[in-house]
N, C-alpha and C. Protein backbone atom coordinates (compact mmCIF):
# COMPACT_ATOMS: atom_id res chain seq x y z
N UNK A 1 -17.82 -193.88 197.96
CA UNK A 1 -17.55 -194.95 197.27
C UNK A 1 -16.23 -194.53 196.60
N UNK A 2 -15.18 -195.57 196.85
CA UNK A 2 -13.95 -195.59 196.40
C UNK A 2 -13.61 -196.90 195.44
N UNK A 3 -13.16 -196.36 194.12
CA UNK A 3 -13.08 -197.35 193.00
C UNK A 3 -11.50 -197.37 193.00
N UNK A 4 -10.96 -198.69 193.03
CA UNK A 4 -9.54 -198.80 193.00
C UNK A 4 -9.26 -198.50 191.48
N UNK A 5 -7.77 -198.44 191.38
CA UNK A 5 -7.14 -197.97 189.98
C UNK A 5 -7.38 -198.91 189.26
N UNK A 6 -7.20 -200.48 189.52
CA UNK A 6 -7.31 -201.33 188.75
C UNK A 6 -8.78 -201.45 188.15
N UNK A 7 -9.94 -201.36 188.92
CA UNK A 7 -11.25 -201.26 188.42
C UNK A 7 -11.52 -200.02 187.36
N UNK A 8 -10.59 -199.10 187.85
CA UNK A 8 -11.23 -197.75 187.10
C UNK A 8 -10.39 -198.10 185.48
N UNK A 9 -9.18 -198.64 185.64
CA UNK A 9 -8.48 -198.72 184.29
C UNK A 9 -9.15 -199.68 183.43
N UNK A 10 -9.77 -200.76 184.27
CA UNK A 10 -10.61 -201.92 183.55
C UNK A 10 -11.72 -201.13 183.04
N UNK A 11 -12.55 -200.41 183.38
CA UNK A 11 -13.58 -199.40 183.01
C UNK A 11 -13.29 -198.69 181.76
N UNK A 12 -12.06 -198.03 181.88
CA UNK A 12 -11.68 -196.90 180.94
C UNK A 12 -11.28 -198.04 179.43
N UNK A 13 -10.65 -199.14 179.73
CA UNK A 13 -10.07 -199.89 178.64
C UNK A 13 -11.84 -200.38 178.22
N UNK A 14 -12.65 -200.93 178.58
CA UNK A 14 -13.95 -201.23 178.03
C UNK A 14 -14.37 -200.25 177.33
N UNK A 15 -14.65 -198.89 177.87
CA UNK A 15 -15.06 -197.83 177.04
C UNK A 15 -14.26 -197.70 175.86
N UNK A 16 -12.98 -197.98 175.98
CA UNK A 16 -12.21 -197.55 174.66
C UNK A 16 -12.44 -198.73 173.69
N UNK A 17 -12.66 -200.18 173.89
CA UNK A 17 -12.76 -201.02 173.34
C UNK A 17 -14.25 -200.90 172.59
N UNK A 18 -15.39 -200.47 173.24
CA UNK A 18 -16.44 -200.05 172.74
C UNK A 18 -16.73 -198.96 171.83
N UNK A 19 -15.71 -198.22 172.00
CA UNK A 19 -16.02 -196.77 171.30
C UNK A 19 -15.21 -197.20 169.75
N UNK A 20 -14.15 -198.26 169.86
CA UNK A 20 -13.59 -198.53 168.61
C UNK A 20 -14.28 -199.41 167.89
N UNK A 21 -15.30 -200.41 168.41
CA UNK A 21 -16.19 -201.19 167.87
C UNK A 21 -17.32 -200.35 167.33
N UNK A 22 -17.70 -199.31 167.92
CA UNK A 22 -18.81 -198.59 167.21
C UNK A 22 -18.24 -197.95 166.11
N UNK A 23 -16.89 -197.27 166.22
CA UNK A 23 -16.40 -196.50 165.01
C UNK A 23 -16.13 -197.56 163.78
N UNK A 24 -15.65 -198.65 163.87
CA UNK A 24 -15.55 -199.71 162.98
C UNK A 24 -16.88 -200.04 162.22
N UNK A 25 -17.80 -200.14 163.09
CA UNK A 25 -18.95 -200.68 162.52
C UNK A 25 -19.73 -199.32 161.43
N UNK A 26 -19.32 -198.06 161.88
CA UNK A 26 -19.90 -196.93 161.22
C UNK A 26 -19.12 -196.98 159.94
N UNK A 27 -17.66 -197.16 160.07
CA UNK A 27 -16.70 -196.94 158.96
C UNK A 27 -17.09 -198.14 157.76
N UNK A 28 -17.31 -199.29 158.30
CA UNK A 28 -17.34 -200.47 157.41
C UNK A 28 -18.89 -200.64 157.00
N UNK A 29 -19.79 -200.41 157.60
CA UNK A 29 -21.11 -200.65 157.41
C UNK A 29 -22.04 -199.47 156.83
N UNK A 30 -21.69 -198.34 157.26
CA UNK A 30 -22.63 -197.25 156.67
C UNK A 30 -22.04 -196.70 155.66
N UNK A 31 -22.81 -196.43 154.46
CA UNK A 31 -22.13 -195.55 153.20
C UNK A 31 -21.69 -194.24 153.74
N UNK A 32 -20.51 -194.09 152.99
CA UNK A 32 -19.77 -192.81 153.11
C UNK A 32 -19.27 -192.50 151.57
N UNK A 33 -18.73 -191.32 151.56
CA UNK A 33 -18.38 -190.70 150.57
C UNK A 33 -19.42 -190.33 149.68
N UNK A 34 -19.17 -189.96 148.40
CA UNK A 34 -19.99 -189.38 147.61
C UNK A 34 -21.11 -190.39 147.08
N UNK A 35 -22.44 -190.38 147.01
CA UNK A 35 -23.30 -191.32 146.79
C UNK A 35 -24.22 -190.76 145.59
N UNK A 36 -24.81 -191.76 144.73
CA UNK A 36 -25.56 -191.44 143.43
C UNK A 36 -27.04 -191.65 144.17
N UNK A 37 -27.62 -190.44 144.26
CA UNK A 37 -29.13 -190.76 144.64
C UNK A 37 -30.10 -190.71 143.41
N UNK A 38 -31.12 -191.65 143.16
CA UNK A 38 -32.05 -191.59 142.21
C UNK A 38 -33.38 -191.49 142.95
N UNK A 39 -34.18 -190.61 142.40
CA UNK A 39 -35.56 -190.45 142.59
C UNK A 39 -36.32 -190.78 141.44
N UNK A 40 -37.57 -191.11 141.63
CA UNK A 40 -38.60 -191.25 140.88
C UNK A 40 -40.08 -190.51 141.38
N UNK A 41 -40.00 -189.54 140.52
CA UNK A 41 -41.38 -188.61 140.76
C UNK A 41 -41.20 -188.07 142.39
N UNK A 42 -39.90 -187.68 142.71
CA UNK A 42 -39.56 -187.24 144.22
C UNK A 42 -39.50 -187.95 145.09
N UNK A 43 -39.54 -189.34 145.01
CA UNK A 43 -39.53 -190.42 145.84
C UNK A 43 -38.32 -191.11 145.68
N UNK A 44 -37.34 -191.14 146.70
CA UNK A 44 -36.00 -191.90 146.62
C UNK A 44 -36.51 -193.41 146.21
N UNK A 45 -35.79 -193.49 145.09
CA UNK A 45 -35.50 -195.06 144.52
C UNK A 45 -34.48 -195.74 144.97
N UNK A 46 -33.30 -195.22 145.16
CA UNK A 46 -32.34 -195.77 145.78
C UNK A 46 -31.06 -195.19 145.76
N UNK A 47 -29.92 -195.37 146.42
CA UNK A 47 -28.92 -194.42 146.72
C UNK A 47 -27.60 -195.59 146.49
N UNK A 48 -26.60 -195.16 145.79
CA UNK A 48 -25.46 -195.93 145.44
C UNK A 48 -24.19 -195.55 145.61
N UNK A 49 -23.01 -196.10 146.01
CA UNK A 49 -21.94 -195.38 146.20
C UNK A 49 -21.23 -195.06 144.95
N UNK A 50 -20.80 -193.79 144.53
CA UNK A 50 -20.46 -193.45 143.53
C UNK A 50 -19.13 -194.34 143.06
N UNK A 51 -18.18 -194.84 144.10
CA UNK A 51 -16.99 -195.47 143.55
C UNK A 51 -17.11 -197.07 143.67
N UNK A 52 -18.57 -197.36 143.63
CA UNK A 52 -18.45 -198.84 143.37
C UNK A 52 -19.20 -199.18 142.29
N UNK A 53 -18.78 -199.87 141.39
CA UNK A 53 -19.08 -200.00 139.90
C UNK A 53 -20.55 -200.83 140.04
N UNK A 54 -21.59 -200.26 139.19
CA UNK A 54 -22.74 -201.16 139.34
C UNK A 54 -23.69 -200.85 138.11
N UNK A 55 -24.74 -201.53 137.77
CA UNK A 55 -25.64 -201.31 136.69
C UNK A 55 -27.02 -201.25 137.28
N UNK A 56 -27.71 -200.23 137.43
CA UNK A 56 -29.38 -200.47 138.29
C UNK A 56 -30.27 -200.06 137.01
N UNK A 57 -31.22 -200.94 136.93
CA UNK A 57 -32.46 -200.71 135.80
C UNK A 57 -33.28 -200.14 137.00
N UNK A 58 -33.70 -198.97 136.39
CA UNK A 58 -34.62 -198.30 137.22
C UNK A 58 -36.23 -198.16 136.52
N UNK A 59 -37.26 -198.41 137.26
CA UNK A 59 -38.50 -198.64 136.40
C UNK A 59 -39.37 -199.39 137.46
N UNK A 60 -40.54 -199.38 137.10
CA UNK A 60 -41.66 -199.94 138.01
C UNK A 60 -41.83 -201.31 137.62
N UNK A 61 -42.23 -202.05 138.65
CA UNK A 61 -42.22 -203.63 138.80
C UNK A 61 -42.94 -204.07 137.62
N UNK A 62 -43.84 -203.40 136.91
CA UNK A 62 -44.65 -204.04 135.85
C UNK A 62 -43.73 -203.70 134.68
N UNK A 63 -42.81 -202.94 134.30
CA UNK A 63 -42.07 -203.04 133.37
C UNK A 63 -42.24 -202.08 132.15
N UNK A 64 -43.27 -201.26 132.45
CA UNK A 64 -43.67 -200.50 131.46
C UNK A 64 -42.78 -199.32 131.09
N UNK A 65 -41.87 -199.00 131.64
CA UNK A 65 -40.64 -198.38 131.09
C UNK A 65 -39.52 -198.45 132.05
N UNK A 66 -38.41 -198.18 131.39
CA UNK A 66 -36.89 -198.32 132.32
C UNK A 66 -36.10 -197.35 131.82
N UNK A 67 -34.99 -197.12 132.82
CA UNK A 67 -33.76 -196.28 132.64
C UNK A 67 -32.71 -197.15 133.15
N UNK A 68 -31.80 -197.27 132.09
CA UNK A 68 -30.36 -197.95 132.85
C UNK A 68 -29.20 -196.95 133.15
N UNK A 69 -29.10 -196.96 134.62
CA UNK A 69 -28.32 -196.15 135.17
C UNK A 69 -26.56 -196.92 135.30
N UNK A 70 -25.63 -196.67 134.93
CA UNK A 70 -24.34 -197.23 135.03
C UNK A 70 -23.48 -196.25 135.87
N UNK A 71 -22.83 -196.82 136.90
CA UNK A 71 -22.07 -196.27 137.76
C UNK A 71 -20.56 -196.99 137.50
N UNK A 72 -19.65 -196.25 137.19
CA UNK A 72 -18.05 -197.08 136.65
C UNK A 72 -17.11 -196.10 136.71
N UNK A 73 -16.20 -196.33 137.28
CA UNK A 73 -14.82 -195.43 137.46
C UNK A 73 -15.05 -194.10 137.91
N UNK A 74 -15.80 -194.18 139.22
CA UNK A 74 -16.24 -192.69 139.47
C UNK A 74 -17.19 -191.91 138.71
N UNK A 75 -18.05 -192.32 137.82
CA UNK A 75 -18.79 -191.65 136.92
C UNK A 75 -20.49 -192.56 137.02
N UNK A 76 -21.25 -191.50 137.02
CA UNK A 76 -22.69 -191.91 136.65
C UNK A 76 -23.30 -191.45 135.61
N UNK A 77 -23.90 -192.45 134.79
CA UNK A 77 -24.67 -191.99 133.63
C UNK A 77 -25.89 -192.71 133.20
N UNK A 78 -26.81 -192.37 132.55
CA UNK A 78 -27.65 -193.15 131.92
C UNK A 78 -27.38 -193.55 130.63
N UNK A 79 -27.28 -195.06 130.33
CA UNK A 79 -27.00 -195.72 129.40
C UNK A 79 -28.01 -195.87 128.26
N UNK A 80 -29.17 -195.97 128.89
CA UNK A 80 -30.16 -196.49 128.09
C UNK A 80 -31.58 -196.05 128.72
N UNK A 81 -32.50 -195.59 127.88
CA UNK A 81 -33.97 -195.40 128.29
C UNK A 81 -34.83 -195.67 127.16
N UNK A 82 -36.09 -195.91 127.56
CA UNK A 82 -36.90 -196.37 126.20
C UNK A 82 -37.96 -195.21 126.21
N UNK A 83 -37.60 -193.83 126.73
CA UNK A 83 -38.33 -192.60 126.70
C UNK A 83 -38.27 -191.91 125.08
N UNK A 84 -38.98 -191.13 124.58
CA UNK A 84 -38.90 -190.82 123.26
C UNK A 84 -37.70 -189.67 123.16
N UNK A 85 -37.36 -188.80 124.18
CA UNK A 85 -36.36 -187.54 123.61
C UNK A 85 -34.97 -187.94 123.81
N UNK A 86 -34.43 -188.96 124.69
CA UNK A 86 -33.35 -189.47 125.21
C UNK A 86 -32.42 -188.30 125.67
N UNK A 87 -33.11 -187.38 126.30
CA UNK A 87 -32.08 -186.24 126.80
C UNK A 87 -31.47 -186.99 127.91
N UNK A 88 -31.94 -187.84 128.52
CA UNK A 88 -31.25 -188.24 130.03
C UNK A 88 -29.89 -188.92 129.34
N UNK A 89 -30.13 -189.78 128.32
CA UNK A 89 -29.34 -190.68 127.81
C UNK A 89 -27.74 -189.65 127.37
N UNK A 90 -28.20 -188.52 126.66
CA UNK A 90 -26.97 -187.73 126.14
C UNK A 90 -26.55 -186.56 127.04
N UNK A 91 -27.27 -186.61 128.42
CA UNK A 91 -26.54 -185.80 129.32
C UNK A 91 -25.24 -186.30 129.82
N UNK A 92 -24.32 -185.66 130.06
CA UNK A 92 -22.90 -185.94 130.54
C UNK A 92 -22.94 -186.45 131.63
N UNK A 93 -21.74 -187.51 132.06
CA UNK A 93 -21.93 -188.23 133.20
C UNK A 93 -21.71 -187.19 134.28
N UNK A 94 -22.03 -187.85 135.55
CA UNK A 94 -21.93 -187.12 136.67
C UNK A 94 -20.62 -187.56 137.30
N UNK A 95 -19.55 -186.81 138.01
CA UNK A 95 -18.61 -186.99 138.61
C UNK A 95 -18.51 -186.27 139.92
N UNK A 96 -17.39 -186.19 140.81
CA UNK A 96 -17.21 -185.67 141.86
C UNK A 96 -16.65 -184.10 141.70
N UNK A 97 -16.67 -183.91 140.33
CA UNK A 97 -15.93 -182.61 139.42
C UNK A 97 -16.98 -182.07 138.83
N UNK A 98 -18.15 -182.42 138.95
CA UNK A 98 -19.33 -181.73 138.20
C UNK A 98 -20.11 -181.42 139.05
N UNK A 99 -20.90 -180.50 138.63
CA UNK A 99 -22.62 -179.96 139.26
C UNK A 99 -23.39 -180.31 138.18
N UNK A 100 -24.43 -180.89 138.62
CA UNK A 100 -25.67 -181.35 137.95
C UNK A 100 -26.35 -182.20 138.17
N UNK A 101 -27.41 -182.78 137.37
CA UNK A 101 -28.23 -183.57 137.64
C UNK A 101 -28.74 -184.31 136.16
N UNK A 102 -28.97 -185.38 136.27
CA UNK A 102 -29.56 -186.20 134.91
C UNK A 102 -30.92 -186.31 135.40
N UNK A 103 -31.74 -185.90 134.28
CA UNK A 103 -33.14 -186.04 134.41
C UNK A 103 -33.67 -186.36 133.29
N UNK A 104 -34.84 -187.55 133.64
CA UNK A 104 -35.72 -188.13 132.33
C UNK A 104 -37.07 -187.85 132.65
N UNK A 105 -37.55 -186.57 132.15
CA UNK A 105 -38.92 -186.18 132.75
C UNK A 105 -40.10 -187.14 132.08
N UNK A 106 -39.98 -187.77 131.06
CA UNK A 106 -41.19 -188.63 130.72
C UNK A 106 -41.25 -189.56 131.81
N UNK A 107 -40.18 -190.12 132.42
CA UNK A 107 -40.40 -191.17 133.70
C UNK A 107 -40.16 -190.39 134.84
N UNK A 108 -39.91 -189.13 135.04
CA UNK A 108 -40.03 -188.79 136.33
C UNK A 108 -38.70 -188.99 137.15
N UNK A 109 -37.57 -189.55 136.36
CA UNK A 109 -36.43 -189.95 137.15
C UNK A 109 -35.42 -188.90 137.20
N UNK A 110 -34.89 -188.85 138.43
CA UNK A 110 -33.78 -187.71 138.57
C UNK A 110 -32.63 -188.43 139.22
N UNK A 111 -31.14 -188.33 138.46
CA UNK A 111 -30.13 -188.94 139.29
C UNK A 111 -29.16 -187.49 139.64
N UNK A 112 -28.93 -187.57 140.93
CA UNK A 112 -27.76 -186.48 141.24
C UNK A 112 -26.94 -186.97 142.30
N UNK A 113 -25.75 -186.51 142.68
CA UNK A 113 -24.69 -186.80 143.59
C UNK A 113 -25.08 -185.93 144.89
N UNK A 114 -24.49 -186.96 145.92
CA UNK A 114 -24.75 -186.50 147.31
C UNK A 114 -23.69 -186.55 148.28
N UNK A 115 -23.27 -186.00 149.07
CA UNK A 115 -21.94 -186.08 149.83
C UNK A 115 -22.82 -187.13 151.46
């Protein structure tokens, strides 16, 4: 089977366009960079970009307890909790330059950074 140069060039151009489209989809729609991973009792609650400001209220649907996670200026910290000991609230913020985890043992909440 003999493929003409014109058909071969067209096929190559189509492959390049599809590859560029796939790359754009990955770049724009899949999370990248450092992520803030929140787990409750070892089960993933949510993942949030570290460099996108957000406030996340963590807790069950019945509202029996809550922790408030704030992500701003490349920092993630627990600003409020209705637990008794408040250790999670007093734990320093997580940044790309820190190694650590924020834990609220009474609620089973863990906040950590992931690449």
